[in-house]
Protein backbone atom coordinates (compact mmCIF):
# COMPACT_ATOMS: atom_id res chain seq x y z
CA MET A 1 -0.08 -0.03 -0.02
CA SER A 2 1.54 3.20 -1.08
CA ARG A 3 0.97 6.55 0.59
CA ARG A 4 1.50 10.04 -1.37
CA GLY A 5 0.41 13.03 -0.79
CA GLY A 6 -2.95 11.95 2.13
CA HIS A 7 -3.70 9.36 -0.48
CA VAL A 8 -3.62 5.93 0.20
CA ASP A 9 -3.94 3.59 -3.00
CA GLY A 10 -5.49 6.15 -5.39
CA ARG A 11 -8.22 7.11 -2.58
CA VAL A 12 -8.05 10.44 0.06
CA ASP A 13 -7.32 8.67 3.30
CA ASN A 14 -9.80 10.61 5.79
CA GLY A 15 -9.59 8.01 8.47
CA PRO A 16 -11.68 5.22 9.69
CA GLU A 17 -14.98 5.82 8.08
CA ARG A 18 -17.71 6.29 10.12
CA LYS A 19 -20.53 3.73 9.85
CA LEU A 20 -24.50 4.57 9.73
CA TYR A 21 -25.39 1.37 11.65
CA TYR A 22 -23.54 0.11 15.31
CA SER A 23 -24.21 -3.36 16.58
CA ARG A 24 -25.83 -3.71 19.99
CA SER A 25 -22.55 -4.36 21.36
CA GLU A 26 -20.72 -1.38 19.68
CA THR A 27 -23.92 0.70 21.03
CA ALA A 28 -24.03 -0.77 24.49
CA ARG A 29 -20.21 0.28 24.74
CA MET A 30 -20.98 3.94 23.31
CA LEU A 31 -23.30 4.55 25.96
CA GLY A 32 -21.28 2.90 28.91
CA VAL A 33 -24.16 0.24 29.26
CA SER A 34 -24.34 -3.41 29.19
CA VAL A 35 -25.46 -5.20 26.05
CA SER A 36 -27.97 -6.97 28.52
CA THR A 37 -29.01 -2.67 30.09
CA LEU A 38 -29.54 -1.65 26.18
CA ASP A 39 -31.76 -4.96 25.74
CA ARG A 40 -33.37 -4.37 28.65
CA MET A 41 -33.76 -0.52 28.15
CA ARG A 42 -35.08 -1.51 24.23
CA HIS A 43 -37.66 -3.68 25.92
CA ASP A 44 -38.93 -0.83 27.81
CA GLY A 45 -39.09 1.52 25.45
CA ARG A 46 -36.24 3.60 26.78
CA GLY A 47 -33.03 4.39 24.84
CA PRO A 48 -31.93 5.11 21.11
CA VAL A 49 -34.62 3.75 18.60
CA PRO A 50 -33.75 0.15 17.29
CA THR A 51 -33.35 -0.15 13.37
CA VAL A 52 -34.72 -4.31 13.49
CA PHE A 53 -33.30 -5.59 10.07
CA GLY A 54 -34.76 -9.26 10.66
CA PRO A 55 -35.89 -11.66 13.35
CA ARG A 56 -31.98 -11.56 14.75
CA THR A 57 -30.45 -8.47 13.39
CA ILE A 58 -31.00 -5.34 15.46
CA ARG A 59 -28.73 -2.08 14.69
CA TYR A 60 -28.82 1.62 16.21
CA ALA A 61 -28.66 4.31 14.05
CA ALA A 62 -25.33 6.74 14.56
CA GLY A 63 -27.95 9.91 14.53
CA ASP A 64 -30.37 7.74 16.62
CA ILE A 65 -27.29 7.51 19.04
CA ILE A 66 -25.84 10.72 19.13
CA ARG A 67 -29.83 12.03 19.42
CA TRP A 68 -30.48 10.14 22.57
CA GLN A 69 -27.22 11.07 24.39
CA ARG A 70 -27.96 14.77 23.86
CA THR A 71 -31.06 14.51 25.06
CA ASN A 72 -30.41 12.16 27.72
CA GLY A 73 -27.43 13.62 28.96
CA GLY A 74 -25.46 10.34 27.98
CA ALA A 75 -26.44 6.99 29.28
CA ARG A 76 -29.28 5.60 31.20
């Protein structure tokens, strides 16, 4: 992999890419809670709004996580 002038393999290197959706464990880590606490928050109607892609695939949109943190002062 060559690096010249901020480019890596012909692409501009802007650092790590931001994700649109995060897993339960990634979201729990960002909020400073356990996965089981995040699950309980979801079932109680608290916490960031989950996006359900299938019966076993739950993700959290980056914007929903940020919005929830701003309106709730962080975790819990």
